[in-house]
Structure formats: structure tokens, C-alpha cells
Amino acid sequence: MALLRKKTRKDPERAPKVPVEKAAEGGDDIPVVICAAEERMGGAMATINSIYSNTDASVFFYIVTLRDAIKLTRQYIEKTKLKGIKYKILEFNPMVLKGKVKPDSSRPDLLHPLNFVRFYLPLLDISHQRVIYLDDDVIVQGDIKDLYHTKLEKGHAAAFATDCDLPSTHEMVRSVGMQTTYMGFLDYRKQEVRDLGINPSDCSFNPGVFVADIGEWKKQKITKQLENWMQENLKKNIYSSAMAGGVATPPMLIVFHDKYTIIDPLWHVRHLGWSPDARYPETFLQGAHLLHWNGRFKPWDYPCVHLDLWEKWFIPDPTGKFLLVRPEGKI
């Protein structure tokens, strides 16, 4: 299964100008996988900046993008303060999703090919056996090495933050109608879902931040399991992007049910993008190690809450393509 387009003598036009390495991966590096979509490039770069600025550890960034955004990704790094980071650009081949995802007009952004990169971690050109995966709408305020050293329980391929983990967030989550259980992601009217034997009131998790053991992932054939559920949904519509988590979250919830380690909840304070006006207490956010603007209201758009905590890490696009949307216009 070819996720990365590789150069061949017979087809030189298909040769990507990647991977692009600033430095070889080292055994002591903390590897972070992050996707960089062209239309969200400033988000990914803000995430990288926040990680790089808040640790003294050596971090290696695997930046996954589509062919059209390779040049912009490289320029954004090389022409800004990020030029000092260690990184490799990986080109994701969206053809791997053919026959597994169907169009859905309710949230087309959730069907972006890069949303599914997290399914294919062992098939990427990654040399590390443990990695951190992060969405592009997060800011890291803590030291990333603390998250990396999360101890995974025996037989677990990944560690996530459960949606029932942080009492101080419950009131805000309820106020915006955010789902925290499997009932909000799977269609329990379907026999295939009921046959799973998963209690609909079990706590869900958000797969936008996790630590993965690549060896265990391969051993359990996690990628194949995820693909099987994508194909099952294609045939029987057991979940849809009209439900809470789009089409990338439900397969993860099914495959990892009761088989994941729980990370410190302060390493995934989320739902900041779920409402344009529901806010967390500022003192609580100051103590959070990682902030996640999951939901429709992204910090590079407007309206959005807690913009100051994101903007301090934003780096303007040196090419001028990526612009922030603010009340006074695009800047």
C-alpha cells in the first residue's frame, strides 16, 4: 500500500520533492506527527512553534501534507523562525482512501484526506517506534517530552484522553451540547453497532492527540481494523459526519474501545472550538499543558474564543497565502 509517492525511473513526473530532511532522525528525538493542509497551514505552524518553544528536548517533526502544499510547507519553515527545527516532509497519497470514504456535504472539511493520516502511522516513512500524533488546531503549553513519556499499559497501542476525565470541563461541555459518550458517535439503531457490545454510555475519547506505539499498532493490525470499519460504514452507514465526530473518529472509538491507556487530562483540554462564545476560566487554561480548538470555530477564523492563547504562537505566512480572519478583515 503506497502512502508516499516514490520516485521511479519510469515515472519521473510522480517523484515528490520529499522527503525533505533538515536532519536525520535521532534515537533521542521526540517524534511528533502533524498534518499540514494548505488551507490550514498557519494552524500547523503555530502548533509546531508552541512545541518547539516550550521544550529543551530535541523534537523531530514529521509533517504530512498533500503534493500541492509541499512547497508552501517548506517555505513556511525555511523563511521563518522555524528554520531551526528538525523535520521531514511526507507526502500523503489520498488514493489510499479510494473506496473507503463517501462524500458527505454536511462537513466536507471532516473528509479531507489528511484527517485519515492517523490511521496509517506505521505505513508512513517514520523511523521511530513511538510517536505523538497531534491535530493542527492545538497549542502545546507544556513540555512535550512529558506527554511522550506517558507509560502505555501492556498490550495497548495508544494513549488518549477520555471525554469523561476532567470534572472542571463538564459544565462547559454540557453547555455547548458536546458529546462525551459512544451514543453521540455511533448509530445504535444499526444491528452492526449493537453487535459490538459497547455500552452507549461508555466514555468516548478524542483522537486528535495521542501517543502511539508503532510496534504494537502493527502487531494488532490496527490500520486494517480501521479500514474494515471504514468499508463497513460505506456499505451500511453505521455513522456519518452528521454525528458528533465526523467519519474519522468512530472507527478509532470502535477499534480502541477498552484498549487504550489514559493520558493526563491536562494534556488534552479540548472543545475550545465548539462554540463562538462558551469560554473556560482563564486560570484553568493557564494550567493546561495542551489546548485543542476542535469543532467548527478555529482560532485562525472568526469568531472564536481564547484567541490570545493561540495568536501568541502564530507565525505569519512568509508567502502571504495564509491569512487570519479577524473582525477588521483578513490579516
C-alpha atoms as a PDB file:
ATOM      1  CA  MET A   1       0.000   0.000   0.000  1.00  0.00           C
ATOM      2  CA  ALA A   2       1.726   3.155  -1.181  1.00  0.00           C
ATOM      3  CA  LEU A   3       1.034   6.106   1.068  1.00  0.00           C
ATOM      4  CA  LEU A   4       4.040   8.075  -0.064  1.00  0.00           C
ATOM      5  CA  ARG A   5       4.647   8.636  -3.735  1.00  0.00           C
ATOM      6  CA  LYS A   6       8.126   7.402  -4.518  1.00  0.00           C
ATOM      7  CA  LYS A   7      10.475   8.274  -7.327  1.00  0.00           C
ATOM      8  CA  THR A   8      10.896   5.703 -10.095  1.00  0.00           C
ATOM      9  CA  ARG A   9      12.867   5.837 -13.296  1.00  0.00           C
ATOM     10  CA  LYS A  10       9.784   5.015 -15.327  1.00  0.00           C
ATOM     11  CA  ASP A  11       7.658   7.801 -13.883  1.00  0.00           C
ATOM     12  CA  PRO A  12       9.849  10.824 -13.038  1.00  0.00           C
ATOM     13  CA  GLU A  13       6.850  13.187 -13.008  1.00  0.00           C
ATOM     14  CA  ARG A  14       5.423  11.368  -9.982  1.00  0.00           C
ATOM     15  CA  ALA A  15       8.551  11.895  -7.979  1.00  0.00           C
ATOM     16  CA  PRO A  16       7.801  14.107  -4.975  1.00  0.00           C
ATOM     17  CA  LYS A  17      10.328  16.646  -3.853  1.00  0.00           C
ATOM     18  CA  VAL A  18      10.174  14.896  -0.487  1.00  0.00           C
ATOM     19  CA  PRO A  19      11.087  13.660   1.977  1.00  0.00           C
ATOM     20  CA  VAL A  20      12.967  16.825   2.853  1.00  0.00           C
ATOM     21  CA  GLU A  21      15.156  16.357   5.893  1.00  0.00           C
ATOM     22  CA  LYS A  22      16.716  19.136   7.903  1.00  0.00           C
ATOM     23  CA  ALA A  23      18.487  16.481   9.970  1.00  0.00           C
ATOM     24  CA  ALA A  24      18.469  12.735  10.251  1.00  0.00           C
ATOM     25  CA  GLU A  25      16.119  11.257  12.815  1.00  0.00           C
ATOM     26  CA  GLY A  26      17.921  10.515  16.053  1.00  0.00           C
ATOM     27  CA  GLY A  27      17.212   7.931  18.702  1.00  0.00           C
ATOM     28  CA  ASP A  28      16.886  10.598  21.386  1.00  0.00           C
ATOM     29  CA  ASP A  29      14.446  12.738  19.407  1.00  0.00           C
ATOM     30  CA  ILE A  30      10.816  13.126  20.411  1.00  0.00           C
ATOM     31  CA  PRO A  31       8.901  12.409  17.195  1.00  0.00           C
ATOM     32  CA  VAL A  32       5.738  14.405  16.524  1.00  0.00           C
ATOM     33  CA  VAL A  33       3.443  13.706  13.567  1.00  0.00           C
ATOM     34  CA  ILE A  34       1.326  16.628  12.394  1.00  0.00           C
ATOM     35  CA  CYS A  35      -0.643  17.214   9.196  1.00  0.00           C
ATOM     36  CA  ALA A  36      -0.331  20.478   7.279  1.00  0.00           C
ATOM     37  CA  ALA A  37      -3.204  21.135   4.894  1.00  0.00           C
ATOM     38  CA  GLU A  38      -2.649  24.116   2.597  1.00  0.00           C
ATOM     39  CA  GLU A  39      -5.771  25.946   3.775  1.00  0.00           C
ATOM     40  CA  ARG A  40      -4.817  25.401   7.462  1.00  0.00           C
ATOM     41  CA  MET A  41      -1.046  25.803   7.160  1.00  0.00           C
ATOM     42  CA  GLY A  42      -0.841  28.608   9.716  1.00  0.00           C
ATOM     43  CA  GLY A  43      -2.500  26.348  12.271  1.00  0.00           C
ATOM     44  CA  ALA A  44       0.056  23.579  11.845  1.00  0.00           C
ATOM     45  CA  MET A  45       2.930  26.056  12.061  1.00  0.00           C
ATOM     46  CA  ALA A  46       1.517  27.593  15.265  1.00  0.00           C
ATOM     47  CA  THR A  47       1.344  24.089  16.773  1.00  0.00           C
ATOM     48  CA  ILE A  48       4.952  23.389  15.793  1.00  0.00           C
ATOM     49  CA  ASN A  49       6.098  26.758  17.153  1.00  0.00           C
ATOM     50  CA  SER A  50       4.403  26.166  20.507  1.00  0.00           C
ATOM     51  CA  ILE A  51       6.032  22.733  20.879  1.00  0.00           C
ATOM     52  CA  TYR A  52       9.479  23.924  19.809  1.00  0.00           C
ATOM     53  CA  SER A  53       9.347  26.965  22.103  1.00  0.00           C
ATOM     54  CA  ASN A  54       8.266  25.123  25.239  1.00  0.00           C
ATOM     55  CA  THR A  55      10.816  22.317  25.488  1.00  0.00           C
ATOM     56  CA  ASP A  56      14.558  21.864  25.734  1.00  0.00           C
ATOM     57  CA  ALA A  57      14.209  18.351  24.303  1.00  0.00           C
ATOM     58  CA  SER A  58      15.190  17.515  20.726  1.00  0.00           C
ATOM     59  CA  VAL A  59      11.937  17.232  18.753  1.00  0.00           C
ATOM     60  CA  PHE A  60      11.670  15.729  15.271  1.00  0.00           C
ATOM     61  CA  PHE A  61       8.603  16.809  13.287  1.00  0.00           C
ATOM     62  CA  TYR A  62       7.087  14.540  10.659  1.00  0.00           C
ATOM     63  CA  ILE A  63       4.956  16.992   8.672  1.00  0.00           C
ATOM     64  CA  VAL A  64       2.435  15.199   6.463  1.00  0.00           C
ATOM     65  CA  THR A  65       0.825  17.045   3.580  1.00  0.00           C
ATOM     66  CA  LEU A  66      -0.542  16.656   0.053  1.00  0.00           C
ATOM     67  CA  ARG A  67       1.535  17.264  -3.049  1.00  0.00           C
ATOM     68  CA  ASP A  68       0.112  20.739  -3.758  1.00  0.00           C
ATOM     69  CA  ALA A  69       1.208  22.015  -0.338  1.00  0.00           C
ATOM     70  CA  ILE A  70       4.777  20.698  -0.240  1.00  0.00           C
ATOM     71  CA  LYS A  71       6.344  23.929  -1.479  1.00  0.00           C
ATOM     72  CA  LEU A  72       4.342  26.134   0.892  1.00  0.00           C
ATOM     73  CA  THR A  73       5.208  23.864   3.825  1.00  0.00           C
ATOM     74  CA  ARG A  74       8.913  24.123   3.085  1.00  0.00           C
ATOM     75  CA  GLN A  75       8.798  27.904   2.580  1.00  0.00           C
ATOM     76  CA  TYR A  76       6.827  28.461   5.781  1.00  0.00           C
ATOM     77  CA  ILE A  77       9.578  26.700   7.718  1.00  0.00           C
ATOM     78  CA  GLU A  78      12.687  27.892   5.917  1.00  0.00           C
ATOM     79  CA  LYS A  79      11.716  31.579   5.770  1.00  0.00           C
ATOM     80  CA  THR A  80      10.613  31.974   9.395  1.00  0.00           C
ATOM     81  CA  LYS A  81      11.935  31.340  12.911  1.00  0.00           C
ATOM     82  CA  LEU A  82      11.061  27.659  12.406  1.00  0.00           C
ATOM     83  CA  LYS A  83      14.084  27.160  10.155  1.00  0.00           C
ATOM     84  CA  GLY A  84      15.918  25.702  13.143  1.00  0.00           C
ATOM     85  CA  ILE A  85      13.578  22.752  13.663  1.00  0.00           C
ATOM     86  CA  LYS A  86      14.390  19.156  12.742  1.00  0.00           C
ATOM     87  CA  TYR A  87      11.804  17.843  10.328  1.00  0.00           C
ATOM     88  CA  LYS A  88      10.842  15.695   7.376  1.00  0.00           C
ATOM     89  CA  ILE A  89       8.008  16.490   4.959  1.00  0.00           C
ATOM     90  CA  LEU A  90       5.971  13.444   3.964  1.00  0.00           C
ATOM     91  CA  GLU A  91       3.549  13.456   1.048  1.00  0.00           C
ATOM     92  CA  PHE A  92       0.336  11.541   1.727  1.00  0.00           C
ATOM     93  CA  ASN A  93      -1.268   9.722  -1.188  1.00  0.00           C
ATOM     94  CA  PRO A  94      -5.077  10.214  -0.953  1.00  0.00           C
ATOM     95  CA  MET A  95      -5.669   7.278  -3.298  1.00  0.00           C
ATOM     96  CA  VAL A  96      -5.249   5.006  -0.301  1.00  0.00           C
ATOM     97  CA  LEU A  97      -8.762   6.145   0.748  1.00  0.00           C
ATOM     98  CA  LYS A  98     -10.420   5.169  -2.527  1.00  0.00           C
ATOM     99  CA  GLY A  99     -13.462   3.009  -1.868  1.00  0.00           C
ATOM    100  CA  LYS A 100     -13.365   3.675   1.873  1.00  0.00           C
ATOM    101  CA  VAL A 101     -14.906   7.136   2.274  1.00  0.00           C
ATOM    102  CA  LYS A 102     -18.026   8.551   0.655  1.00  0.00           C
ATOM    103  CA  PRO A 103     -18.742  12.249   0.070  1.00  0.00           C
ATOM    104  CA  ASP A 104     -20.824  13.989   2.716  1.00  0.00           C
ATOM    105  CA  SER A 105     -21.858  17.598   2.280  1.00  0.00           C
ATOM    106  CA  SER A 106     -22.671  18.324   5.935  1.00  0.00           C
ATOM    107  CA  ARG A 107     -19.000  18.728   6.998  1.00  0.00           C
ATOM    108  CA  PRO A 108     -16.738  18.401   3.932  1.00  0.00           C
ATOM    109  CA  ASP A 109     -13.745  19.529   5.996  1.00  0.00           C
ATOM    110  CA  LEU A 110     -14.004  16.311   8.002  1.00  0.00           C
ATOM    111  CA  LEU A 111     -13.445  14.311   4.820  1.00  0.00           C
ATOM    112  CA  HIS A 112     -10.117  15.917   3.979  1.00  0.00           C
ATOM    113  CA  PRO A 113      -7.637  13.105   3.192  1.00  0.00           C
ATOM    114  CA  LEU A 114      -5.239  14.305   5.877  1.00  0.00           C
ATOM    115  CA  ASN A 115      -7.897  13.597   8.510  1.00  0.00           C
ATOM    116  CA  PHE A 116      -7.145   9.917   7.964  1.00  0.00           C
ATOM    117  CA  VAL A 117      -3.350  10.046   8.242  1.00  0.00           C
ATOM    118  CA  ARG A 118      -3.668   8.951  11.881  1.00  0.00           C
ATOM    119  CA  PHE A 119      -4.985   5.578  10.630  1.00  0.00           C
ATOM    120  CA  TYR A 120      -1.798   4.901   8.669  1.00  0.00           C
ATOM    121  CA  LEU A 121       1.047   5.804  11.031  1.00  0.00           C
ATOM    122  CA  PRO A 122       3.001   2.531  10.583  1.00  0.00           C
ATOM    123  CA  LEU A 123       2.925   2.920   6.796  1.00  0.00           C
ATOM    124  CA  LEU A 124       4.471   6.390   6.781  1.00  0.00           C
ATOM    125  CA  ASP A 125       8.197   6.884   6.330  1.00  0.00           C
ATOM    126  CA  ILE A 126       8.840   7.106  10.064  1.00  0.00           C
ATOM    127  CA  SER A 127      11.828   5.558  11.781  1.00  0.00           C
ATOM    128  CA  HIS A 128      10.650   5.890  15.389  1.00  0.00           C
ATOM    129  CA  GLN A 129       8.790   3.173  17.285  1.00  0.00           C
ATOM    130  CA  ARG A 130       6.801   5.579  19.453  1.00  0.00           C
ATOM    131  CA  VAL A 131       5.279   8.823  18.183  1.00  0.00           C
ATOM    132  CA  ILE A 132       2.987  11.620  19.271  1.00  0.00           C
ATOM    133  CA  TYR A 133       0.178  12.482  16.865  1.00  0.00           C
ATOM    134  CA  LEU A 134      -1.321  15.982  17.071  1.00  0.00           C
ATOM    135  CA  ASP A 135      -4.082  17.742  15.138  1.00  0.00           C
ATOM    136  CA  ASP A 136      -3.212  21.122  13.596  1.00  0.00           C
ATOM    137  CA  ASP A 137      -5.609  23.085  15.825  1.00  0.00           C
ATOM    138  CA  VAL A 138      -3.753  22.541  19.086  1.00  0.00           C
ATOM    139  CA  ILE A 139      -1.311  24.637  21.088  1.00  0.00           C
ATOM    140  CA  VAL A 140       1.165  22.981  23.438  1.00  0.00           C
ATOM    141  CA  GLN A 141       1.848  24.957  26.606  1.00  0.00           C
ATOM    142  CA  GLY A 142       3.687  22.206  28.482  1.00  0.00           C
ATOM    143  CA  ASP A 143       6.914  20.330  27.774  1.00  0.00           C
ATOM    144  CA  ILE A 144       6.173  17.795  25.011  1.00  0.00           C
ATOM    145  CA  LYS A 145       8.618  15.286  26.474  1.00  0.00           C
ATOM    146  CA  ASP A 146       6.246  14.767  29.414  1.00  0.00           C
ATOM    147  CA  LEU A 147       3.491  13.639  27.057  1.00  0.00           C
ATOM    148  CA  TYR A 148       5.926  11.469  25.098  1.00  0.00           C
ATOM    149  CA  HIS A 149       6.967   9.595  28.233  1.00  0.00           C
ATOM    150  CA  THR A 150       3.401   8.539  29.037  1.00  0.00           C
ATOM    151  CA  LYS A 151       3.666   4.895  30.104  1.00  0.00           C
ATOM    152  CA  LEU A 152       1.446   2.744  27.895  1.00  0.00           C
ATOM    153  CA  GLU A 153      -0.148  -0.246  29.580  1.00  0.00           C
ATOM    154  CA  LYS A 154       0.818  -3.716  28.380  1.00  0.00           C
ATOM    155  CA  GLY A 155      -0.917  -4.592  25.103  1.00  0.00           C
ATOM    156  CA  HIS A 156      -2.026  -1.012  24.399  1.00  0.00           C
ATOM    157  CA  ALA A 157      -1.111   0.525  21.043  1.00  0.00           C
ATOM    158  CA  ALA A 158      -2.103   4.077  22.009  1.00  0.00           C
ATOM    159  CA  ALA A 159      -2.943   6.517  24.796  1.00  0.00           C
ATOM    160  CA  PHE A 160      -5.802   9.047  24.578  1.00  0.00           C
ATOM    161  CA  ALA A 161      -7.641  11.404  26.922  1.00  0.00           C
ATOM    162  CA  THR A 162     -11.099  10.111  27.817  1.00  0.00           C
ATOM    163  CA  ASP A 163     -14.017  12.520  27.383  1.00  0.00           C
ATOM    164  CA  CYS A 164     -15.117  11.968  30.993  1.00  0.00           C
ATOM    165  CA  ASP A 165     -11.743  12.750  32.505  1.00  0.00           C
ATOM    166  CA  LEU A 166     -11.788  16.357  33.663  1.00  0.00           C
ATOM    167  CA  PRO A 167     -14.600  17.450  36.028  1.00  0.00           C
ATOM    168  CA  SER A 168     -13.699  21.129  35.629  1.00  0.00           C
ATOM    169  CA  THR A 169     -14.677  20.964  31.939  1.00  0.00           C
ATOM    170  CA  HIS A 170     -18.014  19.194  32.338  1.00  0.00           C
ATOM    171  CA  GLU A 171     -20.176  22.293  32.760  1.00  0.00           C
ATOM    172  CA  MET A 172     -18.754  23.939  29.648  1.00  0.00           C
ATOM    173  CA  VAL A 173     -19.055  20.728  27.622  1.00  0.00           C
ATOM    174  CA  ARG A 174     -22.715  20.307  28.594  1.00  0.00           C
ATOM    175  CA  SER A 175     -23.466  23.932  27.797  1.00  0.00           C
ATOM    176  CA  VAL A 176     -22.436  23.535  24.153  1.00  0.00           C
ATOM    177  CA  GLY A 177     -24.001  20.100  23.661  1.00  0.00           C
ATOM    178  CA  MET A 178     -20.700  18.296  23.115  1.00  0.00           C
ATOM    179  CA  GLN A 179     -20.922  14.517  23.045  1.00  0.00           C
ATOM    180  CA  THR A 180     -18.901  12.555  25.586  1.00  0.00           C
ATOM    181  CA  THR A 181     -20.210   9.008  25.066  1.00  0.00           C
ATOM    182  CA  TYR A 182     -20.367   6.426  22.290  1.00  0.00           C
ATOM    183  CA  MET A 183     -24.060   7.239  21.766  1.00  0.00           C
ATOM    184  CA  GLY A 184     -23.035  10.510  20.128  1.00  0.00           C
ATOM    185  CA  PHE A 185     -20.807   8.851  17.536  1.00  0.00           C
ATOM    186  CA  LEU A 186     -22.384   5.518  16.557  1.00  0.00           C
ATOM    187  CA  ASP A 187     -25.883   4.757  15.262  1.00  0.00           C
ATOM    188  CA  TYR A 188     -27.235   2.304  17.809  1.00  0.00           C
ATOM    189  CA  ARG A 189     -30.266   1.684  15.614  1.00  0.00           C
ATOM    190  CA  LYS A 190     -27.979  -0.418  13.406  1.00  0.00           C
ATOM    191  CA  GLN A 191     -27.552  -4.078  14.303  1.00  0.00           C
ATOM    192  CA  GLU A 192     -23.851  -3.958  13.428  1.00  0.00           C
ATOM    193  CA  VAL A 193     -23.325  -1.357  16.146  1.00  0.00           C
ATOM    194  CA  ARG A 194     -25.386  -3.211  18.759  1.00  0.00           C
ATOM    195  CA  ASP A 195     -23.459  -6.389  17.995  1.00  0.00           C
ATOM    196  CA  LEU A 196     -20.258  -4.668  19.126  1.00  0.00           C
ATOM    197  CA  GLY A 197     -21.471  -4.948  22.711  1.00  0.00           C
ATOM    198  CA  ILE A 198     -20.288  -1.443  23.524  1.00  0.00           C
ATOM    199  CA  ASN A 199     -22.398   0.316  26.145  1.00  0.00           C
ATOM    200  CA  PRO A 200     -23.709   3.544  24.530  1.00  0.00           C
ATOM    201  CA  SER A 201     -22.981   5.411  27.769  1.00  0.00           C
ATOM    202  CA  ASP A 202     -19.300   4.454  27.764  1.00  0.00           C
ATOM    203  CA  CYS A 203     -16.981   7.464  27.655  1.00  0.00           C
ATOM    204  CA  SER A 204     -15.644   8.380  24.236  1.00  0.00           C
ATOM    205  CA  PHE A 205     -12.255   9.937  23.502  1.00  0.00           C
ATOM    206  CA  ASN A 206     -10.929  12.480  21.032  1.00  0.00           C
ATOM    207  CA  PRO A 207      -8.263  11.096  18.635  1.00  0.00           C
ATOM    208  CA  GLY A 208      -6.738  14.496  17.884  1.00  0.00           C
ATOM    209  CA  VAL A 209      -3.996  13.987  20.478  1.00  0.00           C
ATOM    210  CA  PHE A 210      -2.430  10.629  21.231  1.00  0.00           C
ATOM    211  CA  VAL A 211       0.746   8.691  21.855  1.00  0.00           C
ATOM    212  CA  ALA A 212       1.202   5.595  19.680  1.00  0.00           C
ATOM    213  CA  ASP A 213       3.372   2.501  19.966  1.00  0.00           C
ATOM    214  CA  ILE A 214       4.067   1.658  16.315  1.00  0.00           C
ATOM    215  CA  GLY A 215       5.188  -1.907  17.039  1.00  0.00           C
ATOM    216  CA  GLU A 216       2.048  -2.731  18.993  1.00  0.00           C
ATOM    217  CA  TRP A 217      -0.065  -0.987  16.323  1.00  0.00           C
ATOM    218  CA  LYS A 218       1.413  -3.276  13.674  1.00  0.00           C
ATOM    219  CA  LYS A 219       1.101  -6.371  15.870  1.00  0.00           C
ATOM    220  CA  GLN A 220      -2.621  -5.766  16.395  1.00  0.00           C
ATOM    221  CA  LYS A 221      -3.144  -4.801  12.729  1.00  0.00           C
ATOM    222  CA  ILE A 222      -4.839  -1.583  13.867  1.00  0.00           C
ATOM    223  CA  THR A 223      -4.717   0.012  10.398  1.00  0.00           C
ATOM    224  CA  LYS A 224      -6.501  -2.953   8.831  1.00  0.00           C
ATOM    225  CA  GLN A 225      -9.146  -2.905  11.553  1.00  0.00           C
ATOM    226  CA  LEU A 226      -9.757   0.803  10.967  1.00  0.00           C
ATOM    227  CA  GLU A 227     -10.059   0.264   7.213  1.00  0.00           C
ATOM    228  CA  ASN A 228     -12.549  -2.555   7.774  1.00  0.00           C
ATOM    229  CA  TRP A 229     -14.795  -0.219   9.741  1.00  0.00           C
ATOM    230  CA  MET A 230     -14.484   2.488   7.090  1.00  0.00           C
ATOM    231  CA  GLN A 231     -15.685  -0.012   4.495  1.00  0.00           C
ATOM    232  CA  GLU A 232     -18.458  -1.242   6.777  1.00  0.00           C
ATOM    233  CA  ASN A 233     -19.728   2.308   7.128  1.00  0.00           C
ATOM    234  CA  LEU A 234     -19.562   2.776   3.374  1.00  0.00           C
ATOM    235  CA  LYS A 235     -21.959  -0.153   2.973  1.00  0.00           C
ATOM    236  CA  LYS A 236     -24.248   0.303   5.971  1.00  0.00           C
ATOM    237  CA  ASN A 237     -23.863   3.898   7.184  1.00  0.00           C
ATOM    238  CA  ILE A 238     -23.289   2.998  10.811  1.00  0.00           C
ATOM    239  CA  TYR A 239     -22.034   6.510  11.499  1.00  0.00           C
ATOM    240  CA  SER A 240     -21.925   9.697   9.488  1.00  0.00           C
ATOM    241  CA  SER A 241     -20.287  13.102   9.594  1.00  0.00           C
ATOM    242  CA  ALA A 242     -23.641  14.489  10.694  1.00  0.00           C
ATOM    243  CA  MET A 243     -22.927  12.853  14.042  1.00  0.00           C
ATOM    244  CA  ALA A 244     -20.510  14.334  16.542  1.00  0.00           C
ATOM    245  CA  GLY A 245     -17.182  13.043  15.354  1.00  0.00           C
ATOM    246  CA  GLY A 246     -17.366  13.001  11.591  1.00  0.00           C
ATOM    247  CA  VAL A 247     -16.091   9.863   9.897  1.00  0.00           C
ATOM    248  CA  ALA A 248     -12.538   9.678  11.280  1.00  0.00           C
ATOM    249  CA  THR A 249     -13.397   9.391  14.977  1.00  0.00           C
ATOM    250  CA  PRO A 250     -15.889   6.454  15.058  1.00  0.00           C
ATOM    251  CA  PRO A 251     -13.502   3.816  13.654  1.00  0.00           C
ATOM    252  CA  MET A 252     -10.941   4.803  16.292  1.00  0.00           C
ATOM    253  CA  LEU A 253     -13.593   4.586  19.020  1.00  0.00           C
ATOM    254  CA  ILE A 254     -14.579   1.087  17.884  1.00  0.00           C
ATOM    255  CA  VAL A 255     -11.086  -0.341  17.433  1.00  0.00           C
ATOM    256  CA  PHE A 256      -9.634   1.123  20.633  1.00  0.00           C
ATOM    257  CA  HIS A 257     -12.646   0.555  22.902  1.00  0.00           C
ATOM    258  CA  ASP A 258     -11.331  -0.554  26.311  1.00  0.00           C
ATOM    259  CA  LYS A 259      -7.858  -0.973  24.750  1.00  0.00           C
ATOM    260  CA  TYR A 260      -6.094   2.306  25.376  1.00  0.00           C
ATOM    261  CA  THR A 261      -4.111   3.984  28.124  1.00  0.00           C
ATOM    262  CA  ILE A 262      -5.495   7.241  29.531  1.00  0.00           C
ATOM    263  CA  ILE A 263      -3.257  10.291  29.360  1.00  0.00           C
ATOM    264  CA  ASP A 264      -3.198  13.117  31.885  1.00  0.00           C
ATOM    265  CA  PRO A 265      -6.321  15.179  31.112  1.00  0.00           C
ATOM    266  CA  LEU A 266      -4.346  18.429  31.269  1.00  0.00           C
ATOM    267  CA  TRP A 267      -2.556  17.159  28.160  1.00  0.00           C
ATOM    268  CA  HIS A 268      -5.758  17.442  26.148  1.00  0.00           C
ATOM    269  CA  VAL A 269      -8.019  20.317  27.180  1.00  0.00           C
ATOM    270  CA  ARG A 270     -10.422  20.412  24.256  1.00  0.00           C
ATOM    271  CA  HIS A 271     -13.691  21.767  22.840  1.00  0.00           C
ATOM    272  CA  LEU A 272     -12.304  25.315  22.566  1.00  0.00           C
ATOM    273  CA  GLY A 273     -13.653  25.439  19.002  1.00  0.00           C
ATOM    274  CA  TRP A 274     -17.087  24.071  19.746  1.00  0.00           C
ATOM    275  CA  SER A 275     -18.788  27.398  20.389  1.00  0.00           C
ATOM    276  CA  PRO A 276     -18.019  31.023  19.437  1.00  0.00           C
ATOM    277  CA  ASP A 277     -18.815  32.274  22.934  1.00  0.00           C
ATOM    278  CA  ALA A 278     -18.565  29.449  25.540  1.00  0.00           C
ATOM    279  CA  ARG A 279     -15.353  30.061  27.469  1.00  0.00           C
ATOM    280  CA  TYR A 280     -13.247  28.257  30.031  1.00  0.00           C
ATOM    281  CA  PRO A 281     -11.965  30.111  33.117  1.00  0.00           C
ATOM    282  CA  GLU A 282      -8.650  31.737  32.179  1.00  0.00           C
ATOM    283  CA  THR A 283      -6.927  30.404  35.299  1.00  0.00           C
ATOM    284  CA  PHE A 284      -7.827  26.848  34.280  1.00  0.00           C
ATOM    285  CA  LEU A 285      -6.449  27.294  30.768  1.00  0.00           C
ATOM    286  CA  GLN A 286      -3.193  28.748  32.095  1.00  0.00           C
ATOM    287  CA  GLY A 287      -2.550  25.444  33.860  1.00  0.00           C
ATOM    288  CA  ALA A 288      -3.384  23.279  30.850  1.00  0.00           C
ATOM    289  CA  HIS A 289      -0.487  21.580  29.037  1.00  0.00           C
ATOM    290  CA  LEU A 290      -2.274  21.374  25.678  1.00  0.00           C
ATOM    291  CA  LEU A 291      -5.256  23.278  24.241  1.00  0.00           C
ATOM    292  CA  HIS A 292      -7.373  21.931  21.377  1.00  0.00           C
ATOM    293  CA  TRP A 293      -9.771  24.043  19.303  1.00  0.00           C
ATOM    294  CA  ASN A 294     -11.714  21.029  17.998  1.00  0.00           C
ATOM    295  CA  GLY A 295     -15.057  21.998  16.474  1.00  0.00           C
ATOM    296  CA  ARG A 296     -16.145  24.446  13.778  1.00  0.00           C
ATOM    297  CA  PHE A 297     -14.696  27.627  15.296  1.00  0.00           C
ATOM    298  CA  LYS A 298     -10.974  27.630  14.578  1.00  0.00           C
ATOM    299  CA  PRO A 299      -8.544  30.194  16.016  1.00  0.00           C
ATOM    300  CA  TRP A 300      -7.396  31.344  12.570  1.00  0.00           C
ATOM    301  CA  ASP A 301     -11.018  32.250  11.762  1.00  0.00           C
ATOM    302  CA  TYR A 302     -13.515  34.495  13.482  1.00  0.00           C
ATOM    303  CA  PRO A 303     -15.467  34.271  15.751  1.00  0.00           C
ATOM    304  CA  CYS A 304     -13.506  32.058  18.120  1.00  0.00           C
ATOM    305  CA  VAL A 305     -12.758  32.051  21.858  1.00  0.00           C
ATOM    306  CA  HIS A 306      -9.421  32.315  23.650  1.00  0.00           C
ATOM    307  CA  LEU A 307      -7.718  33.743  20.584  1.00  0.00           C
ATOM    308  CA  ASP A 308      -4.920  35.287  22.621  1.00  0.00           C
ATOM    309  CA  LEU A 309      -3.673  31.851  23.703  1.00  0.00           C
ATOM    310  CA  TRP A 310      -3.336  30.806  20.068  1.00  0.00           C
ATOM    311  CA  GLU A 311      -2.148  34.040  18.456  1.00  0.00           C
ATOM    312  CA  LYS A 312       0.966  34.258  20.645  1.00  0.00           C
ATOM    313  CA  TRP A 313       2.306  31.240  18.733  1.00  0.00           C
ATOM    314  CA  PHE A 314       1.109  32.188  15.258  1.00  0.00           C
ATOM    315  CA  ILE A 315       3.788  32.960  12.682  1.00  0.00           C
ATOM    316  CA  PRO A 316       2.669  34.978   9.626  1.00  0.00           C
ATOM    317  CA  ASP A 317       2.967  33.162   6.312  1.00  0.00           C
ATOM    318  CA  PRO A 318       6.064  34.487   4.510  1.00  0.00           C
ATOM    319  CA  THR A 319       4.359  33.841   1.156  1.00  0.00           C
ATOM    320  CA  GLY A 320       1.225  35.783   2.143  1.00  0.00           C
ATOM    321  CA  LYS A 321      -1.127  32.926   1.232  1.00  0.00           C
ATOM    322  CA  PHE A 322      -2.363  32.074   4.723  1.00  0.00           C
ATOM    323  CA  LEU A 323      -4.271  34.936   6.326  1.00  0.00           C
ATOM    324  CA  LEU A 324      -6.068  35.241   9.636  1.00  0.00           C
ATOM    325  CA  VAL A 325      -9.756  36.149   9.585  1.00  0.00           C
ATOM    326  CA  ARG A 326     -10.480  38.862  12.144  1.00  0.00           C
ATOM    327  CA  PRO A 327     -13.305  41.413  12.683  1.00  0.00           C
ATOM    328  CA  GLU A 328     -11.329  44.048  10.783  1.00  0.00           C
ATOM    329  CA  GLY A 329     -10.827  41.652   7.840  1.00  0.00           C
ATOM    330  CA  LYS A 330      -8.086  39.278   6.712  1.00  0.00           C
ATOM    331  CA  ILE A 331      -4.653  39.988   8.139  1.00  0.00           C
END
